[in-house]
């Protein structure tokens, strides 16, 4: 947030499970702002990909107890 690459609203939306959608102008501005911080941008991108995978996995929460151990293994593998 200090570098203005992500905003408080982005964090709020992400924490509530919403997708963050940016228009072309906002994307371009953030890219140019972040050019000097490429390692941070890469880490942010990786975190966003992982968050999407976690969200998809939690949507597949098993309906029966017998499927829970396999699902739990998938969760632990993803979070490692």
PDB file of N, CA and C in Angstrom:
ATOM      1  N   UNK A   1       0.820  -1.182   0.000  1.00  0.00           N
ATOM      2  CA  UNK A   1       0.000   0.000   0.000  1.00  0.00           C
ATOM      3  C   UNK A   1       0.870   1.254   0.000  1.00  0.00           C
ATOM      4  N   UNK A   2       2.008   1.132   0.628  1.00  0.00           N
ATOM      5  CA  UNK A   2       2.893   2.290   0.675  1.00  0.00           C
ATOM      6  C   UNK A   2       3.343   2.684  -0.731  1.00  0.00           C
ATOM      7  N   UNK A   3       3.504   1.692  -1.620  1.00  0.00           N
ATOM      8  CA  UNK A   3       3.948   1.973  -2.985  1.00  0.00           C
ATOM      9  C   UNK A   3       2.777   2.227  -3.936  1.00  0.00           C
ATOM     10  N   UNK A   4       1.566   2.170  -3.420  1.00  0.00           N
ATOM     11  CA  UNK A   4       0.342   2.384  -4.195  1.00  0.00           C
ATOM     12  C   UNK A   4       0.144   1.342  -5.290  1.00  0.00           C
ATOM     13  N   UNK A   5       0.662   0.147  -5.048  1.00  0.00           N
ATOM     14  CA  UNK A   5       0.438  -0.949  -5.988  1.00  0.00           C
ATOM     15  C   UNK A   5      -0.849  -1.686  -5.661  1.00  0.00           C
ATOM     16  N   UNK A   6      -1.164  -1.746  -4.394  1.00  0.00           N
ATOM     17  CA  UNK A   6      -2.444  -2.287  -3.959  1.00  0.00           C
ATOM     18  C   UNK A   6      -3.092  -1.244  -3.058  1.00  0.00           C
ATOM     19  N   UNK A   7      -4.401  -1.250  -3.046  1.00  0.00           N
ATOM     20  CA  UNK A   7      -5.126  -0.268  -2.246  1.00  0.00           C
ATOM     21  C   UNK A   7      -5.911  -0.994  -1.160  1.00  0.00           C
ATOM     22  N   UNK A   8      -6.351  -0.243  -0.192  1.00  0.00           N
ATOM     23  CA  UNK A   8      -7.122  -0.819   0.907  1.00  0.00           C
ATOM     24  C   UNK A   8      -8.363  -1.532   0.396  1.00  0.00           C
ATOM     25  N   UNK A   9      -8.990  -0.952  -0.618  1.00  0.00           N
ATOM     26  CA  UNK A   9     -10.186  -1.552  -1.199  1.00  0.00           C
ATOM     27  C   UNK A   9      -9.869  -2.916  -1.826  1.00  0.00           C
ATOM     28  N   UNK A  10      -8.683  -3.040  -2.431  1.00  0.00           N
ATOM     29  CA  UNK A  10      -8.262  -4.320  -3.012  1.00  0.00           C
ATOM     30  C   UNK A  10      -8.154  -5.389  -1.931  1.00  0.00           C
ATOM     31  N   UNK A  11      -7.555  -5.027  -0.818  1.00  0.00           N
ATOM     32  CA  UNK A  11      -7.382  -5.963   0.290  1.00  0.00           C
ATOM     33  C   UNK A  11      -8.743  -6.370   0.854  1.00  0.00           C
ATOM     34  N   UNK A  12      -9.625  -5.402   0.993  1.00  0.00           N
ATOM     35  CA  UNK A  12     -10.966  -5.686   1.503  1.00  0.00           C
ATOM     36  C   UNK A  12     -11.703  -6.648   0.580  1.00  0.00           C
ATOM     37  N   UNK A  13     -11.684  -6.380  -0.708  1.00  0.00           N
ATOM     38  CA  UNK A  13     -12.360  -7.255  -1.669  1.00  0.00           C
ATOM     39  C   UNK A  13     -11.767  -8.660  -1.631  1.00  0.00           C
ATOM     40  N   UNK A  14     -10.443  -8.742  -1.610  1.00  0.00           N
ATOM     41  CA  UNK A  14      -9.784 -10.053  -1.590  1.00  0.00           C
ATOM     42  C   UNK A  14     -10.123 -10.819  -0.323  1.00  0.00           C
ATOM     43  N   UNK A  15     -10.181 -10.126   0.805  1.00  0.00           N
ATOM     44  CA  UNK A  15     -10.479 -10.806   2.062  1.00  0.00           C
ATOM     45  C   UNK A  15     -11.929 -11.294   2.122  1.00  0.00           C
ATOM     46  N   UNK A  16     -12.788 -10.678   1.328  1.00  0.00           N
ATOM     47  CA  UNK A  16     -14.190 -11.087   1.284  1.00  0.00           C
ATOM     48  C   UNK A  16     -14.448 -12.098   0.168  1.00  0.00           C
ATOM     49  N   UNK A  17     -13.382 -12.518  -0.512  1.00  0.00           N
ATOM     50  CA  UNK A  17     -13.507 -13.538  -1.543  1.00  0.00           C
ATOM     51  C   UNK A  17     -13.863 -13.009  -2.918  1.00  0.00           C
ATOM     52  N   UNK A  18     -13.854 -11.710  -3.088  1.00  0.00           N
ATOM     53  CA  UNK A  18     -14.178 -11.124  -4.386  1.00  0.00           C
ATOM     54  C   UNK A  18     -12.936 -11.054  -5.258  1.00  0.00           C
ATOM     55  N   UNK A  19     -13.153 -11.065  -6.570  1.00  0.00           N
ATOM     56  CA  UNK A  19     -12.053 -10.868  -7.508  1.00  0.00           C
ATOM     57  C   UNK A  19     -11.788  -9.382  -7.633  1.00  0.00           C
ATOM     58  N   UNK A  20     -10.531  -9.042  -7.808  1.00  0.00           N
ATOM     59  CA  UNK A  20     -10.152  -7.641  -7.978  1.00  0.00           C
ATOM     60  C   UNK A  20     -10.073  -7.370  -9.471  1.00  0.00           C
ATOM     61  N   UNK A  21     -10.882  -6.470  -9.921  1.00  0.00           N
ATOM     62  CA  UNK A  21     -10.926  -6.126 -11.342  1.00  0.00           C
ATOM     63  C   UNK A  21     -10.433  -4.680 -11.500  1.00  0.00           C
ATOM     64  N   UNK A  22      -9.464  -4.520 -12.384  1.00  0.00           N
ATOM     65  CA  UNK A  22      -8.900  -3.194 -12.633  1.00  0.00           C
ATOM     66  C   UNK A  22      -9.115  -2.817 -14.089  1.00  0.00           C
ATOM     67  N   UNK A  23      -9.385  -1.547 -14.340  1.00  0.00           N
ATOM     68  CA  UNK A  23      -9.487  -1.101 -15.732  1.00  0.00           C
ATOM     69  C   UNK A  23      -8.078  -0.919 -16.289  1.00  0.00           C
ATOM     70  N   UNK A  24      -7.990  -0.704 -17.579  1.00  0.00           N
ATOM     71  CA  UNK A  24      -6.690  -0.614 -18.253  1.00  0.00           C
ATOM     72  C   UNK A  24      -5.853   0.528 -17.693  1.00  0.00           C
ATOM     73  N   UNK A  25      -6.465   1.651 -17.445  1.00  0.00           N
ATOM     74  CA  UNK A  25      -5.737   2.812 -16.921  1.00  0.00           C
ATOM     75  C   UNK A  25      -5.129   2.511 -15.560  1.00  0.00           C
ATOM     76  N   UNK A  26      -5.930   1.900 -14.678  1.00  0.00           N
ATOM     77  CA  UNK A  26      -5.444   1.587 -13.332  1.00  0.00           C
ATOM     78  C   UNK A  26      -4.331   0.533 -13.387  1.00  0.00           C
ATOM     79  N   UNK A  27      -4.494  -0.471 -14.243  1.00  0.00           N
ATOM     80  CA  UNK A  27      -3.452  -1.491 -14.398  1.00  0.00           C
ATOM     81  C   UNK A  27      -2.146  -0.865 -14.874  1.00  0.00           C
ATOM     82  N   UNK A  28      -2.247  -0.012 -15.893  1.00  0.00           N
ATOM     83  CA  UNK A  28      -1.053   0.627 -16.454  1.00  0.00           C
ATOM     84  C   UNK A  28      -0.352   1.482 -15.406  1.00  0.00           C
ATOM     85  N   UNK A  29      -1.125   2.263 -14.656  1.00  0.00           N
ATOM     86  CA  UNK A  29      -0.542   3.124 -13.619  1.00  0.00           C
ATOM     87  C   UNK A  29       0.183   2.283 -12.571  1.00  0.00           C
ATOM     88  N   UNK A  30      -0.439   1.188 -12.170  1.00  0.00           N
ATOM     89  CA  UNK A  30       0.178   0.344 -11.141  1.00  0.00           C
ATOM     90  C   UNK A  30       1.428  -0.354 -11.667  1.00  0.00           C
ATOM     91  N   UNK A  31       1.404  -0.750 -12.933  1.00  0.00           N
ATOM     92  CA  UNK A  31       2.589  -1.391 -13.517  1.00  0.00           C
ATOM     93  C   UNK A  31       3.759  -0.416 -13.539  1.00  0.00           C
ATOM     94  N   UNK A  32       3.523   0.797 -14.017  1.00  0.00           N
ATOM     95  CA  UNK A  32       4.606   1.781 -14.069  1.00  0.00           C
ATOM     96  C   UNK A  32       5.092   2.159 -12.675  1.00  0.00           C
ATOM     97  N   UNK A  33       4.181   2.208 -11.727  1.00  0.00           N
ATOM     98  CA  UNK A  33       4.576   2.490 -10.344  1.00  0.00           C
ATOM     99  C   UNK A  33       5.448   1.365  -9.803  1.00  0.00           C
ATOM    100  N   UNK A  34       5.151   0.147 -10.207  1.00  0.00           N
ATOM    101  CA  UNK A  34       5.850  -1.005  -9.668  1.00  0.00           C
ATOM    102  C   UNK A  34       7.081  -1.449 -10.420  1.00  0.00           C
ATOM    103  N   UNK A  35       7.446  -0.760 -11.490  1.00  0.00           N
ATOM    104  CA  UNK A  35       8.602  -1.194 -12.277  1.00  0.00           C
ATOM    105  C   UNK A  35       9.879  -1.314 -11.445  1.00  0.00           C
ATOM    106  N   UNK A  36      10.052  -0.460 -10.489  1.00  0.00           N
ATOM    107  CA  UNK A  36      11.246  -0.524  -9.653  1.00  0.00           C
ATOM    108  C   UNK A  36      11.130  -1.562  -8.538  1.00  0.00           C
ATOM    109  N   UNK A  37      10.004  -2.199  -8.461  1.00  0.00           N
ATOM    110  CA  UNK A  37       9.754  -3.158  -7.386  1.00  0.00           C
ATOM    111  C   UNK A  37       9.319  -4.503  -7.968  1.00  0.00           C
ATOM    112  N   UNK A  38      10.071  -5.000  -8.929  1.00  0.00           N
ATOM    113  CA  UNK A  38       9.675  -6.211  -9.648  1.00  0.00           C
ATOM    114  C   UNK A  38       9.576  -7.433  -8.743  1.00  0.00           C
ATOM    115  N   UNK A  39      10.458  -7.558  -7.774  1.00  0.00           N
ATOM    116  CA  UNK A  39      10.387  -8.727  -6.888  1.00  0.00           C
ATOM    117  C   UNK A  39       9.111  -8.690  -6.054  1.00  0.00           C
ATOM    118  N   UNK A  40       8.713  -7.488  -5.646  1.00  0.00           N
ATOM    119  CA  UNK A  40       7.466  -7.352  -4.901  1.00  0.00           C
ATOM    120  C   UNK A  40       6.276  -7.684  -5.786  1.00  0.00           C
ATOM    121  N   UNK A  41       6.293  -7.207  -7.032  1.00  0.00           N
ATOM    122  CA  UNK A  41       5.202  -7.506  -7.959  1.00  0.00           C
ATOM    123  C   UNK A  41       5.083  -9.006  -8.204  1.00  0.00           C
ATOM    124  N   UNK A  42       6.217  -9.667  -8.325  1.00  0.00           N
ATOM    125  CA  UNK A  42       6.211 -11.123  -8.553  1.00  0.00           C
ATOM    126  C   UNK A  42       5.612 -11.839  -7.336  1.00  0.00           C
ATOM    127  N   UNK A  43       6.008 -11.427  -6.146  1.00  0.00           N
ATOM    128  CA  UNK A  43       5.470 -12.042  -4.930  1.00  0.00           C
ATOM    129  C   UNK A  43       3.968 -11.783  -4.813  1.00  0.00           C
ATOM    130  N   UNK A  44       3.539 -10.592  -5.180  1.00  0.00           N
ATOM    131  CA  UNK A  44       2.124 -10.254  -5.148  1.00  0.00           C
ATOM    132  C   UNK A  44       1.341 -11.097  -6.155  1.00  0.00           C
ATOM    133  N   UNK A  45       1.900 -11.283  -7.326  1.00  0.00           N
ATOM    134  CA  UNK A  45       1.274 -12.113  -8.357  1.00  0.00           C
ATOM    135  C   UNK A  45       1.161 -13.564  -7.892  1.00  0.00           C
ATOM    136  N   UNK A  46       2.237 -14.089  -7.317  1.00  0.00           N
ATOM    137  CA  UNK A  46       2.220 -15.465  -6.808  1.00  0.00           C
ATOM    138  C   UNK A  46       1.189 -15.636  -5.694  1.00  0.00           C
ATOM    139  N   UNK A  47       1.087 -14.640  -4.825  1.00  0.00           N
ATOM    140  CA  UNK A  47       0.108 -14.701  -3.750  1.00  0.00           C
ATOM    141  C   UNK A  47      -1.314 -14.703  -4.301  1.00  0.00           C
ATOM    142  N   UNK A  48      -1.556 -13.903  -5.327  1.00  0.00           N
ATOM    143  CA  UNK A  48      -2.888 -13.838  -5.927  1.00  0.00           C
ATOM    144  C   UNK A  48      -3.253 -15.169  -6.585  1.00  0.00           C
ATOM    145  N   UNK A  49      -2.291 -15.808  -7.250  1.00  0.00           N
ATOM    146  CA  UNK A  49      -2.551 -17.123  -7.856  1.00  0.00           C
ATOM    147  C   UNK A  49      -2.873 -18.154  -6.782  1.00  0.00           C
ATOM    148  N   UNK A  50      -2.112 -18.141  -5.700  1.00  0.00           N
ATOM    149  CA  UNK A  50      -2.355 -19.089  -4.611  1.00  0.00           C
ATOM    150  C   UNK A  50      -3.716 -18.845  -3.973  1.00  0.00           C
ATOM    151  N   UNK A  51      -4.082 -17.592  -3.801  1.00  0.00           N
ATOM    152  CA  UNK A  51      -5.385 -17.267  -3.216  1.00  0.00           C
ATOM    153  C   UNK A  51      -6.523 -17.797  -4.079  1.00  0.00           C
ATOM    154  N   UNK A  52      -6.383 -17.705  -5.399  1.00  0.00           N
ATOM    155  CA  UNK A  52      -7.410 -18.246  -6.298  1.00  0.00           C
ATOM    156  C   UNK A  52      -7.512 -19.763  -6.167  1.00  0.00           C
ATOM    157  N   UNK A  53      -6.358 -20.419  -6.038  1.00  0.00           N
ATOM    158  CA  UNK A  53      -6.365 -21.882  -5.883  1.00  0.00           C
ATOM    159  C   UNK A  53      -7.022 -22.283  -4.564  1.00  0.00           C
ATOM    160  N   UNK A  54      -6.713 -21.546  -3.505  1.00  0.00           N
ATOM    161  CA  UNK A  54      -7.315 -21.837  -2.193  1.00  0.00           C
ATOM    162  C   UNK A  54      -8.826 -21.647  -2.263  1.00  0.00           C
ATOM    163  N   UNK A  55      -9.244 -20.580  -2.890  1.00  0.00           N
ATOM    164  CA  UNK A  55     -10.676 -20.293  -3.024  1.00  0.00           C
ATOM    165  C   UNK A  55     -11.381 -21.428  -3.782  1.00  0.00           C
ATOM    166  N   UNK A  56     -10.785 -21.876  -4.873  1.00  0.00           N
ATOM    167  CA  UNK A  56     -11.370 -22.969  -5.650  1.00  0.00           C
ATOM    168  C   UNK A  56     -11.417 -24.258  -4.838  1.00  0.00           C
ATOM    169  N   UNK A  57     -10.369 -24.527  -4.075  1.00  0.00           N
ATOM    170  CA  UNK A  57     -10.320 -25.735  -3.262  1.00  0.00           C
ATOM    171  C   UNK A  57     -11.370 -25.706  -2.162  1.00  0.00           C
ATOM    172  N   UNK A  58     -11.547 -24.569  -1.552  1.00  0.00           N
ATOM    173  CA  UNK A  58     -12.547 -24.466  -0.483  1.00  0.00           C
ATOM    174  C   UNK A  58     -13.975 -24.537  -1.027  1.00  0.00           C
ATOM    175  N   UNK A  59     -14.156 -24.230  -2.287  1.00  0.00           N
ATOM    176  CA  UNK A  59     -15.476 -24.424  -2.904  1.00  0.00           C
ATOM    177  C   UNK A  59     -15.767 -25.910  -3.121  1.00  0.00           C
ATOM    178  N   UNK A  60     -14.726 -26.716  -3.103  1.00  0.00           N
ATOM    179  CA  UNK A  60     -14.874 -28.161  -3.288  1.00  0.00           C
ATOM    180  C   UNK A  60     -14.904 -28.898  -1.953  1.00  0.00           C
ATOM    181  N   UNK A  61     -15.246 -28.194  -0.887  1.00  0.00           N
ATOM    182  CA  UNK A  61     -15.294 -28.817   0.434  1.00  0.00           C
ATOM    183  C   UNK A  61     -16.190 -30.047   0.364  1.00  0.00           C
ATOM    184  N   UNK A  62     -15.696 -31.163   0.882  1.00  0.00           N
ATOM    185  CA  UNK A  62     -16.445 -32.423   0.744  1.00  0.00           C
ATOM    186  C   UNK A  62     -17.771 -32.412   1.496  1.00  0.00           C
ATOM    187  N   UNK A  63     -18.723 -33.113   0.908  1.00  0.00           N
ATOM    188  CA  UNK A  63     -20.036 -33.209   1.522  1.00  0.00           C
ATOM    189  C   UNK A  63     -20.136 -34.323   2.542  1.00  0.00           C
ATOM    190  N   UNK A  64     -19.178 -35.234   2.516  1.00  0.00           N
ATOM    191  CA  UNK A  64     -19.219 -36.341   3.480  1.00  0.00           C
ATOM    192  C   UNK A  64     -17.885 -36.436   4.221  1.00  0.00           C
ATOM    193  N   UNK A  65     -17.976 -36.986   5.410  1.00  0.00           N
ATOM    194  CA  UNK A  65     -16.789 -37.104   6.260  1.00  0.00           C
ATOM    195  C   UNK A  65     -15.724 -37.998   5.634  1.00  0.00           C
ATOM    196  N   UNK A  66     -16.144 -39.025   4.897  1.00  0.00           N
ATOM    197  CA  UNK A  66     -15.158 -39.970   4.336  1.00  0.00           C
ATOM    198  C   UNK A  66     -14.261 -39.313   3.285  1.00  0.00           C
ATOM    199  N   UNK A  67     -14.715 -38.237   2.655  1.00  0.00           N
ATOM    200  CA  UNK A  67     -13.898 -37.535   1.659  1.00  0.00           C
ATOM    201  C   UNK A  67     -13.009 -36.454   2.268  1.00  0.00           C
ATOM    202  N   UNK A  68     -13.212 -36.160   3.539  1.00  0.00           N
ATOM    203  CA  UNK A  68     -12.481 -35.078   4.199  1.00  0.00           C
ATOM    204  C   UNK A  68     -10.962 -35.302   4.252  1.00  0.00           C
ATOM    205  N   UNK A  69     -10.455 -36.499   4.577  1.00  0.00           N
ATOM    206  CA  UNK A  69      -8.994 -36.669   4.634  1.00  0.00           C
ATOM    207  C   UNK A  69      -8.292 -36.369   3.304  1.00  0.00           C
ATOM    208  N   UNK A  70      -8.882 -36.806   2.192  1.00  0.00           N
ATOM    209  CA  UNK A  70      -8.264 -36.521   0.890  1.00  0.00           C
ATOM    210  C   UNK A  70      -8.262 -35.031   0.588  1.00  0.00           C
ATOM    211  N   UNK A  71      -9.360 -34.358   0.920  1.00  0.00           N
ATOM    212  CA  UNK A  71      -9.453 -32.918   0.700  1.00  0.00           C
ATOM    213  C   UNK A  71      -8.435 -32.186   1.570  1.00  0.00           C
ATOM    214  N   UNK A  72      -8.277 -32.643   2.804  1.00  0.00           N
ATOM    215  CA  UNK A  72      -7.327 -32.014   3.724  1.00  0.00           C
ATOM    216  C   UNK A  72      -5.897 -32.134   3.201  1.00  0.00           C
ATOM    217  N   UNK A  73      -5.561 -33.263   2.602  1.00  0.00           N
ATOM    218  CA  UNK A  73      -4.229 -33.450   2.015  1.00  0.00           C
ATOM    219  C   UNK A  73      -4.004 -32.426   0.900  1.00  0.00           C
ATOM    220  N   UNK A  74      -5.024 -32.198   0.079  1.00  0.00           N
ATOM    221  CA  UNK A  74      -4.911 -31.202  -0.997  1.00  0.00           C
ATOM    222  C   UNK A  74      -4.687 -29.805  -0.428  1.00  0.00           C
ATOM    223  N   UNK A  75      -5.384 -29.481   0.640  1.00  0.00           N
ATOM    224  CA  UNK A  75      -5.226 -28.164   1.263  1.00  0.00           C
ATOM    225  C   UNK A  75      -3.811 -28.012   1.799  1.00  0.00           C
ATOM    226  N   UNK A  76      -3.330 -29.011   2.521  1.00  0.00           N
ATOM    227  CA  UNK A  76      -1.986 -28.919   3.097  1.00  0.00           C
ATOM    228  C   UNK A  76      -0.920 -28.838   2.015  1.00  0.00           C
ATOM    229  N   UNK A  77      -1.087 -29.591   0.926  1.00  0.00           N
ATOM    230  CA  UNK A  77      -0.126 -29.519  -0.179  1.00  0.00           C
ATOM    231  C   UNK A  77      -0.108 -28.127  -0.795  1.00  0.00           C
ATOM    232  N   UNK A  78      -1.259 -27.529  -0.967  1.00  0.00           N
ATOM    233  CA  UNK A  78      -1.342 -26.205  -1.557  1.00  0.00           C
ATOM    234  C   UNK A  78      -0.697 -25.151  -0.662  1.00  0.00           C
ATOM    235  N   UNK A  79      -0.908 -25.259   0.634  1.00  0.00           N
ATOM    236  CA  UNK A  79      -0.387 -24.250   1.540  1.00  0.00           C
ATOM    237  C   UNK A  79       1.104 -24.405   1.855  1.00  0.00           C
ATOM    238  N   UNK A  80       1.678 -25.496   1.464  1.00  0.00           N
ATOM    239  CA  UNK A  80       3.130 -25.661   1.648  1.00  0.00           C
ATOM    240  C   UNK A  80       3.815 -24.874   0.593  1.00  0.00           C
TER     241      UNK A  80
END
